[in-house]
Amino acid sequence: MSGARFHVSGLVQGVFFRASTQARARELGLVGWAKNLVDGRVEVVAGGDAAAIDELERWLLRGPPGARVDAVEREPFDAPPRDGFARI
């Protein structure tokens, strides 16, 4: 199992970014979470198939309608120890 942590910046809070990320991650069979950060970014931690994580990253670069993604930073992350994909 692969894992990655993403920090997404732009207009990503208050536009259903976490809920949309959760739905996309579940479609891809990933586990992890999406969490609002106090600095206005969203943290996304995903574990699963490496190709699915890459697909999630491509989706994060666009985000849901209403969002404006300015940047997505990615770093390796040990696969999250949880079942499913949560919004925190």
PDB file of N, CA and C in Angstrom:
ATOM      1  N   MET A   1       0.854  -1.186   0.000  1.00  0.00           N
ATOM      2  CA  MET A   1       0.000   0.000   0.000  1.00  0.00           C
ATOM      3  C   MET A   1       0.893   1.239   0.000  1.00  0.00           C
ATOM      4  N   SER A   2       0.581   2.166  -0.863  1.00  0.00           N
ATOM      5  CA  SER A   2       1.283   3.445  -0.932  1.00  0.00           C
ATOM      6  C   SER A   2       0.517   4.489  -0.134  1.00  0.00           C
ATOM      7  N   GLY A   3       1.182   5.586   0.158  1.00  0.00           N
ATOM      8  CA  GLY A   3       0.511   6.672   0.865  1.00  0.00           C
ATOM      9  C   GLY A   3       1.092   8.017   0.488  1.00  0.00           C
ATOM     10  N   ALA A   4       0.273   9.057   0.575  1.00  0.00           N
ATOM     11  CA  ALA A   4       0.713  10.416   0.281  1.00  0.00           C
ATOM     12  C   ALA A   4      -0.095  11.403   1.112  1.00  0.00           C
ATOM     13  N   ARG A   5       0.562  12.520   1.436  1.00  0.00           N
ATOM     14  CA  ARG A   5      -0.123  13.636   2.089  1.00  0.00           C
ATOM     15  C   ARG A   5      -0.075  14.812   1.116  1.00  0.00           C
ATOM     16  N   PHE A   6      -1.235  15.440   0.950  1.00  0.00           N
ATOM     17  CA  PHE A   6      -1.348  16.604   0.068  1.00  0.00           C
ATOM     18  C   PHE A   6      -1.782  17.804   0.890  1.00  0.00           C
ATOM     19  N   HIS A   7      -1.247  18.960   0.560  1.00  0.00           N
ATOM     20  CA  HIS A   7      -1.735  20.224   1.101  1.00  0.00           C
ATOM     21  C   HIS A   7      -2.223  21.033  -0.093  1.00  0.00           C
ATOM     22  N   VAL A   8      -3.514  21.341  -0.067  1.00  0.00           N
ATOM     23  CA  VAL A   8      -4.168  22.023  -1.188  1.00  0.00           C
ATOM     24  C   VAL A   8      -4.486  23.446  -0.752  1.00  0.00           C
ATOM     25  N   SER A   9      -4.023  24.416  -1.526  1.00  0.00           N
ATOM     26  CA  SER A   9      -4.275  25.818  -1.186  1.00  0.00           C
ATOM     27  C   SER A   9      -5.074  26.495  -2.296  1.00  0.00           C
ATOM     28  N   GLY A  10      -5.703  27.582  -1.923  1.00  0.00           N
ATOM     29  CA  GLY A  10      -6.577  28.337  -2.820  1.00  0.00           C
ATOM     30  C   GLY A  10      -7.902  28.552  -2.129  1.00  0.00           C
ATOM     31  N   LEU A  11      -8.962  28.647  -2.893  1.00  0.00           N
ATOM     32  CA  LEU A  11     -10.312  28.731  -2.335  1.00  0.00           C
ATOM     33  C   LEU A  11     -10.807  27.296  -2.194  1.00  0.00           C
ATOM     34  N   VAL A  12     -10.479  26.670  -1.052  1.00  0.00           N
ATOM     35  CA  VAL A  12     -10.748  25.246  -0.870  1.00  0.00           C
ATOM     36  C   VAL A  12     -11.534  24.948   0.405  1.00  0.00           C
ATOM     37  N   GLN A  13     -11.912  25.970   1.135  1.00  0.00           N
ATOM     38  CA  GLN A  13     -12.770  25.772   2.305  1.00  0.00           C
ATOM     39  C   GLN A  13     -14.097  26.472   2.051  1.00  0.00           C
ATOM     40  N   GLY A  14     -15.179  25.821   2.475  1.00  0.00           N
ATOM     41  CA  GLY A  14     -16.509  26.386   2.276  1.00  0.00           C
ATOM     42  C   GLY A  14     -17.075  26.152   0.887  1.00  0.00           C
ATOM     43  N   VAL A  15     -16.449  25.248   0.120  1.00  0.00           N
ATOM     44  CA  VAL A  15     -16.910  24.968  -1.247  1.00  0.00           C
ATOM     45  C   VAL A  15     -17.092  23.459  -1.462  1.00  0.00           C
ATOM     46  N   PHE A  16     -17.334  22.714  -0.378  1.00  0.00           N
ATOM     47  CA  PHE A  16     -17.542  21.264  -0.421  1.00  0.00           C
ATOM     48  C   PHE A  16     -16.319  20.506  -0.909  1.00  0.00           C
ATOM     49  N   PHE A  17     -15.132  21.070  -0.665  1.00  0.00           N
ATOM     50  CA  PHE A  17     -13.908  20.423  -1.114  1.00  0.00           C
ATOM     51  C   PHE A  17     -13.682  19.102  -0.390  1.00  0.00           C
ATOM     52  N   ARG A  18     -13.851  19.088   0.938  1.00  0.00           N
ATOM     53  CA  ARG A  18     -13.623  17.849   1.696  1.00  0.00           C
ATOM     54  C   ARG A  18     -14.628  16.769   1.304  1.00  0.00           C
ATOM     55  N   ALA A  19     -15.890  17.128   1.200  1.00  0.00           N
ATOM     56  CA  ALA A  19     -16.918  16.143   0.843  1.00  0.00           C
ATOM     57  C   ALA A  19     -16.673  15.590  -0.559  1.00  0.00           C
ATOM     58  N   SER A  20     -16.312  16.454  -1.479  1.00  0.00           N
ATOM     59  CA  SER A  20     -16.049  16.008  -2.849  1.00  0.00           C
ATOM     60  C   SER A  20     -14.789  15.148  -2.910  1.00  0.00           C
ATOM     61  N   THR A  21     -13.785  15.510  -2.132  1.00  0.00           N
ATOM     62  CA  THR A  21     -12.559  14.712  -2.070  1.00  0.00           C
ATOM     63  C   THR A  21     -12.862  13.336  -1.489  1.00  0.00           C
ATOM     64  N   GLN A  22     -13.675  13.302  -0.446  1.00  0.00           N
ATOM     65  CA  GLN A  22     -14.054  12.034   0.164  1.00  0.00           C
ATOM     66  C   GLN A  22     -14.749  11.137  -0.864  1.00  0.00           C
ATOM     67  N   ALA A  23     -15.688  11.693  -1.617  1.00  0.00           N
ATOM     68  CA  ALA A  23     -16.415  10.914  -2.619  1.00  0.00           C
ATOM     69  C   ALA A  23     -15.463  10.381  -3.692  1.00  0.00           C
ATOM     70  N   ARG A  24     -14.568  11.221  -4.179  1.00  0.00           N
ATOM     71  CA  ARG A  24     -13.626  10.788  -5.230  1.00  0.00           C
ATOM     72  C   ARG A  24     -12.674   9.725  -4.695  1.00  0.00           C
ATOM     73  N   ALA A  25     -12.166   9.915  -3.481  1.00  0.00           N
ATOM     74  CA  ALA A  25     -11.246   8.941  -2.894  1.00  0.00           C
ATOM     75  C   ALA A  25     -11.925   7.590  -2.705  1.00  0.00           C
ATOM     76  N   ARG A  26     -13.172   7.607  -2.270  1.00  0.00           N
ATOM     77  CA  ARG A  26     -13.909   6.346  -2.105  1.00  0.00           C
ATOM     78  C   ARG A  26     -14.111   5.655  -3.444  1.00  0.00           C
ATOM     79  N   GLU A  27     -14.417   6.425  -4.496  1.00  0.00           N
ATOM     80  CA  GLU A  27     -14.547   5.852  -5.839  1.00  0.00           C
ATOM     81  C   GLU A  27     -13.260   5.154  -6.266  1.00  0.00           C
ATOM     82  N   LEU A  28     -12.134   5.716  -5.836  1.00  0.00           N
ATOM     83  CA  LEU A  28     -10.828   5.174  -6.210  1.00  0.00           C
ATOM     84  C   LEU A  28     -10.361   4.063  -5.266  1.00  0.00           C
ATOM     85  N   GLY A  29     -11.146   3.765  -4.239  1.00  0.00           N
ATOM     86  CA  GLY A  29     -10.791   2.707  -3.302  1.00  0.00           C
ATOM     87  C   GLY A  29      -9.703   3.076  -2.319  1.00  0.00           C
ATOM     88  N   LEU A  30      -9.563   4.371  -2.033  1.00  0.00           N
ATOM     89  CA  LEU A  30      -8.523   4.842  -1.122  1.00  0.00           C
ATOM     90  C   LEU A  30      -9.044   4.962   0.301  1.00  0.00           C
ATOM     91  N   VAL A  31      -8.123   4.906   1.254  1.00  0.00           N
ATOM     92  CA  VAL A  31      -8.426   5.169   2.658  1.00  0.00           C
ATOM     93  C   VAL A  31      -7.697   6.439   3.063  1.00  0.00           C
ATOM     94  N   GLY A  32      -8.180   7.088   4.133  1.00  0.00           N
ATOM     95  CA  GLY A  32      -7.509   8.299   4.608  1.00  0.00           C
ATOM     96  C   GLY A  32      -8.497   9.335   5.077  1.00  0.00           C
ATOM     97  N   TRP A  33      -8.143  10.601   4.868  1.00  0.00           N
ATOM     98  CA  TRP A  33      -9.005  11.678   5.323  1.00  0.00           C
ATOM     99  C   TRP A  33      -8.712  12.982   4.590  1.00  0.00           C
ATOM    100  N   ALA A  34      -9.669  13.902   4.689  1.00  0.00           N
ATOM    101  CA  ALA A  34      -9.514  15.279   4.224  1.00  0.00           C
ATOM    102  C   ALA A  34      -9.878  16.171   5.398  1.00  0.00           C
ATOM    103  N   LYS A  35      -9.034  17.145   5.685  1.00  0.00           N
ATOM    104  CA  LYS A  35      -9.200  17.966   6.883  1.00  0.00           C
ATOM    105  C   LYS A  35      -8.897  19.424   6.578  1.00  0.00           C
ATOM    106  N   ASN A  36      -9.779  20.325   7.037  1.00  0.00           N
ATOM    107  CA  ASN A  36      -9.505  21.754   6.938  1.00  0.00           C
ATOM    108  C   ASN A  36      -8.387  22.123   7.910  1.00  0.00           C
ATOM    109  N   LEU A  37      -7.486  22.970   7.474  1.00  0.00           N
ATOM    110  CA  LEU A  37      -6.430  23.489   8.333  1.00  0.00           C
ATOM    111  C   LEU A  37      -6.727  24.940   8.677  1.00  0.00           C
ATOM    112  N   VAL A  38      -6.220  25.396   9.807  1.00  0.00           N
ATOM    113  CA  VAL A  38      -6.521  26.754  10.260  1.00  0.00           C
ATOM    114  C   VAL A  38      -5.962  27.822   9.321  1.00  0.00           C
ATOM    115  N   ASP A  39      -4.976  27.470   8.494  1.00  0.00           N
ATOM    116  CA  ASP A  39      -4.389  28.455   7.581  1.00  0.00           C
ATOM    117  C   ASP A  39      -5.145  28.564   6.255  1.00  0.00           C
ATOM    118  N   GLY A  40      -6.291  27.861   6.140  1.00  0.00           N
ATOM    119  CA  GLY A  40      -7.113  27.957   4.941  1.00  0.00           C
ATOM    120  C   GLY A  40      -6.883  26.860   3.925  1.00  0.00           C
ATOM    121  N   ARG A  41      -5.854  26.049   4.135  1.00  0.00           N
ATOM    122  CA  ARG A  41      -5.596  24.932   3.228  1.00  0.00           C
ATOM    123  C   ARG A  41      -6.422  23.717   3.649  1.00  0.00           C
ATOM    124  N   VAL A  42      -6.434  22.710   2.780  1.00  0.00           N
ATOM    125  CA  VAL A  42      -7.013  21.411   3.107  1.00  0.00           C
ATOM    126  C   VAL A  42      -5.888  20.389   3.052  1.00  0.00           C
ATOM    127  N   GLU A  43      -5.806  19.567   4.099  1.00  0.00           N
ATOM    128  CA  GLU A  43      -4.863  18.449   4.127  1.00  0.00           C
ATOM    129  C   GLU A  43      -5.614  17.202   3.688  1.00  0.00           C
ATOM    130  N   VAL A  44      -5.026  16.467   2.753  1.00  0.00           N
ATOM    131  CA  VAL A  44      -5.596  15.208   2.297  1.00  0.00           C
ATOM    132  C   VAL A  44      -4.530  14.142   2.478  1.00  0.00           C
ATOM    133  N   VAL A  45      -4.862  13.096   3.222  1.00  0.00           N
ATOM    134  CA  VAL A  45      -3.977  11.952   3.392  1.00  0.00           C
ATOM    135  C   VAL A  45      -4.674  10.761   2.762  1.00  0.00           C
ATOM    136  N   ALA A  46      -3.967  10.078   1.866  1.00  0.00           N
ATOM    137  CA  ALA A  46      -4.571   8.966   1.142  1.00  0.00           C
ATOM    138  C   ALA A  46      -3.633   7.773   1.119  1.00  0.00           C
ATOM    139  N   GLY A  47      -4.207   6.590   1.279  1.00  0.00           N
ATOM    140  CA  GLY A  47      -3.455   5.355   1.184  1.00  0.00           C
ATOM    141  C   GLY A  47      -4.171   4.382   0.275  1.00  0.00           C
ATOM    142  N   GLY A  48      -3.386   3.587  -0.444  1.00  0.00           N
ATOM    143  CA  GLY A  48      -3.978   2.602  -1.347  1.00  0.00           C
ATOM    144  C   GLY A  48      -3.069   2.373  -2.525  1.00  0.00           C
ATOM    145  N   ASP A  49      -3.672   2.009  -3.640  1.00  0.00           N
ATOM    146  CA  ASP A  49      -2.943   1.750  -4.867  1.00  0.00           C
ATOM    147  C   ASP A  49      -2.266   3.031  -5.363  1.00  0.00           C
ATOM    148  N   ALA A  50      -0.988   2.920  -5.764  1.00  0.00           N
ATOM    149  CA  ALA A  50      -0.226   4.097  -6.195  1.00  0.00           C
ATOM    150  C   ALA A  50      -0.886   4.814  -7.371  1.00  0.00           C
ATOM    151  N   ALA A  51      -1.429   4.057  -8.320  1.00  0.00           N
ATOM    152  CA  ALA A  51      -2.086   4.684  -9.477  1.00  0.00           C
ATOM    153  C   ALA A  51      -3.335   5.442  -9.048  1.00  0.00           C
ATOM    154  N   ALA A  52      -4.060   4.923  -8.064  1.00  0.00           N
ATOM    155  CA  ALA A  52      -5.261   5.609  -7.567  1.00  0.00           C
ATOM    156  C   ALA A  52      -4.877   6.901  -6.849  1.00  0.00           C
ATOM    157  N   ILE A  53      -3.773   6.878  -6.119  1.00  0.00           N
ATOM    158  CA  ILE A  53      -3.307   8.100  -5.448  1.00  0.00           C
ATOM    159  C   ILE A  53      -2.907   9.144  -6.481  1.00  0.00           C
ATOM    160  N   ASP A  54      -2.245   8.714  -7.544  1.00  0.00           N
ATOM    161  CA  ASP A  54      -1.891   9.646  -8.618  1.00  0.00           C
ATOM    162  C   ASP A  54      -3.142  10.245  -9.254  1.00  0.00           C
ATOM    163  N   GLU A  55      -4.180   9.427  -9.429  1.00  0.00           N
ATOM    164  CA  GLU A  55      -5.445   9.919  -9.998  1.00  0.00           C
ATOM    165  C   GLU A  55      -6.093  10.925  -9.053  1.00  0.00           C
ATOM    166  N   LEU A  56      -6.049  10.641  -7.753  1.00  0.00           N
ATOM    167  CA  LEU A  56      -6.594  11.594  -6.783  1.00  0.00           C
ATOM    168  C   LEU A  56      -5.837  12.917  -6.865  1.00  0.00           C
ATOM    169  N   GLU A  57      -4.528  12.861  -7.018  1.00  0.00           N
ATOM    170  CA  GLU A  57      -3.752  14.096  -7.137  1.00  0.00           C
ATOM    171  C   GLU A  57      -4.195  14.902  -8.355  1.00  0.00           C
ATOM    172  N   ARG A  58      -4.424  14.246  -9.470  1.00  0.00           N
ATOM    173  CA  ARG A  58      -4.908  14.961 -10.666  1.00  0.00           C
ATOM    174  C   ARG A  58      -6.254  15.623 -10.380  1.00  0.00           C
ATOM    175  N   TRP A  59      -7.117  14.909  -9.643  1.00  0.00           N
ATOM    176  CA  TRP A  59      -8.412  15.484  -9.292  1.00  0.00           C
ATOM    177  C   TRP A  59      -8.236  16.673  -8.354  1.00  0.00           C
ATOM    178  N   LEU A  60      -7.334  16.558  -7.385  1.00  0.00           N
ATOM    179  CA  LEU A  60      -7.105  17.661  -6.437  1.00  0.00           C
ATOM    180  C   LEU A  60      -6.633  18.928  -7.140  1.00  0.00           C
ATOM    181  N   LEU A  61      -5.916  18.782  -8.220  1.00  0.00           N
ATOM    182  CA  LEU A  61      -5.435  19.951  -8.967  1.00  0.00           C
ATOM    183  C   LEU A  61      -6.585  20.763  -9.562  1.00  0.00           C
ATOM    184  N   ARG A  62      -7.732  20.120  -9.774  1.00  0.00           N
ATOM    185  CA  ARG A  62      -8.928  20.805 -10.294  1.00  0.00           C
ATOM    186  C   ARG A  62      -9.895  21.130  -9.164  1.00  0.00           C
ATOM    187  N   GLY A  63     -10.147  20.135  -8.316  1.00  0.00           N
ATOM    188  CA  GLY A  63     -11.120  20.293  -7.239  1.00  0.00           C
ATOM    189  C   GLY A  63     -12.542  20.292  -7.764  1.00  0.00           C
ATOM    190  N   PRO A  64     -13.493  20.440  -6.866  1.00  0.00           N
ATOM    191  CA  PRO A  64     -14.904  20.445  -7.256  1.00  0.00           C
ATOM    192  C   PRO A  64     -15.314  21.806  -7.837  1.00  0.00           C
ATOM    193  N   PRO A  65     -16.495  21.865  -8.476  1.00  0.00           N
ATOM    194  CA  PRO A  65     -16.993  23.161  -8.942  1.00  0.00           C
ATOM    195  C   PRO A  65     -17.091  24.126  -7.756  1.00  0.00           C
ATOM    196  N   GLY A  66     -16.715  25.347  -7.969  1.00  0.00           N
ATOM    197  CA  GLY A  66     -16.758  26.344  -6.907  1.00  0.00           C
ATOM    198  C   GLY A  66     -15.429  26.540  -6.207  1.00  0.00           C
ATOM    199  N   ALA A  67     -14.540  25.571  -6.340  1.00  0.00           N
ATOM    200  CA  ALA A  67     -13.211  25.699  -5.728  1.00  0.00           C
ATOM    201  C   ALA A  67     -12.260  26.360  -6.711  1.00  0.00           C
ATOM    202  N   ARG A  68     -11.217  26.957  -6.158  1.00  0.00           N
ATOM    203  CA  ARG A  68     -10.114  27.479  -6.971  1.00  0.00           C
ATOM    204  C   ARG A  68      -8.835  26.948  -6.338  1.00  0.00           C
ATOM    205  N   VAL A  69      -8.184  26.031  -7.028  1.00  0.00           N
ATOM    206  CA  VAL A  69      -6.958  25.427  -6.500  1.00  0.00           C
ATOM    207  C   VAL A  69      -5.771  26.217  -7.028  1.00  0.00           C
ATOM    208  N   ASP A  70      -4.986  26.764  -6.108  1.00  0.00           N
ATOM    209  CA  ASP A  70      -3.783  27.498  -6.482  1.00  0.00           C
ATOM    210  C   ASP A  70      -2.553  26.606  -6.496  1.00  0.00           C
ATOM    211  N   ALA A  71      -2.486  25.636  -5.578  1.00  0.00           N
ATOM    212  CA  ALA A  71      -1.318  24.764  -5.497  1.00  0.00           C
ATOM    213  C   ALA A  71      -1.674  23.488  -4.760  1.00  0.00           C
ATOM    214  N   VAL A  72      -0.986  22.415  -5.144  1.00  0.00           N
ATOM    215  CA  VAL A  72      -1.092  21.140  -4.445  1.00  0.00           C
ATOM    216  C   VAL A  72       0.333  20.676  -4.159  1.00  0.00           C
ATOM    217  N   GLU A  73       0.645  20.535  -2.877  1.00  0.00           N
ATOM    218  CA  GLU A  73       1.941  20.021  -2.468  1.00  0.00           C
ATOM    219  C   GLU A  73       1.767  18.562  -2.057  1.00  0.00           C
ATOM    220  N   ARG A  74       2.708  17.718  -2.478  1.00  0.00           N
ATOM    221  CA  ARG A  74       2.619  16.282  -2.178  1.00  0.00           C
ATOM    222  C   ARG A  74       3.888  15.823  -1.482  1.00  0.00           C
ATOM    223  N   GLU A  75       3.705  14.965  -0.489  1.00  0.00           N
ATOM    224  CA  GLU A  75       4.848  14.337   0.176  1.00  0.00           C
ATOM    225  C   GLU A  75       4.490  12.897   0.506  1.00  0.00           C
ATOM    226  N   PRO A  76       5.485  12.019   0.585  1.00  0.00           N
ATOM    227  CA  PRO A  76       5.201  10.633   0.961  1.00  0.00           C
ATOM    228  C   PRO A  76       4.628  10.578   2.371  1.00  0.00           C
ATOM    229  N   PHE A  77       3.804   9.579   2.615  1.00  0.00           N
ATOM    230  CA  PHE A  77       3.184   9.402   3.931  1.00  0.00           C
ATOM    231  C   PHE A  77       2.920   7.921   4.115  1.00  0.00           C
ATOM    232  N   ASP A  78       3.253   7.401   5.288  1.00  0.00           N
ATOM    233  CA  ASP A  78       2.909   6.007   5.560  1.00  0.00           C
ATOM    234  C   ASP A  78       1.409   5.845   5.405  1.00  0.00           C
ATOM    235  N   ALA A  79       1.009   4.729   4.851  1.00  0.00           N
ATOM    236  CA  ALA A  79      -0.417   4.483   4.619  1.00  0.00           C
ATOM    237  C   ALA A  79      -1.209   4.694   5.899  1.00  0.00           C
ATOM    238  N   PRO A  80      -2.281   5.457   5.840  1.00  0.00           N
ATOM    239  CA  PRO A  80      -3.084   5.736   7.033  1.00  0.00           C
ATOM    240  C   PRO A  80      -3.718   4.466   7.597  1.00  0.00           C
ATOM    241  N   PRO A  81      -3.678   4.305   8.911  1.00  0.00           N
ATOM    242  CA  PRO A  81      -4.224   3.098   9.535  1.00  0.00           C
ATOM    243  C   PRO A  81      -5.713   3.215   9.830  1.00  0.00           C
ATOM    244  N   ARG A  82      -6.521   3.323   8.817  1.00  0.00           N
ATOM    245  CA  ARG A  82      -7.976   3.415   9.036  1.00  0.00           C
ATOM    246  C   ARG A  82      -8.697   2.799   7.858  1.00  0.00           C
ATOM    247  N   ASP A  83      -9.923   2.448   8.109  1.00  0.00           N
ATOM    248  CA  ASP A  83     -10.769   1.928   7.042  1.00  0.00           C
ATOM    249  C   ASP A  83     -11.583   3.083   6.485  1.00  0.00           C
ATOM    250  N   GLY A  84     -11.770   3.083   5.178  1.00  0.00           N
ATOM    251  CA  GLY A  84     -12.596   4.109   4.567  1.00  0.00           C
ATOM    252  C   GLY A  84     -11.876   5.435   4.431  1.00  0.00           C
ATOM    253  N   PHE A  85     -12.630   6.437   4.035  1.00  0.00           N
ATOM    254  CA  PHE A  85     -12.102   7.780   3.842  1.00  0.00           C
ATOM    255  C   PHE A  85     -12.996   8.757   4.567  1.00  0.00           C
ATOM    256  N   ALA A  86     -12.430   9.536   5.476  1.00  0.00           N
ATOM    257  CA  ALA A  86     -13.214  10.394   6.360  1.00  0.00           C
ATOM    258  C   ALA A  86     -12.992  11.876   6.071  1.00  0.00           C
ATOM    259  N   ARG A  87     -13.982  12.662   6.469  1.00  0.00           N
ATOM    260  CA  ARG A  87     -13.832  14.128   6.540  1.00  0.00           C
ATOM    261  C   ARG A  87     -13.630  14.451   7.998  1.00  0.00           C
ATOM    262  N   ILE A  88     -12.586  15.182   8.290  1.00  0.00           N
ATOM    263  CA  ILE A  88     -12.297  15.551   9.683  1.00  0.00           C
ATOM    264  C   ILE A  88     -12.502  17.053   9.850  1.00  0.00           C
TER     265      ILE A  88
END
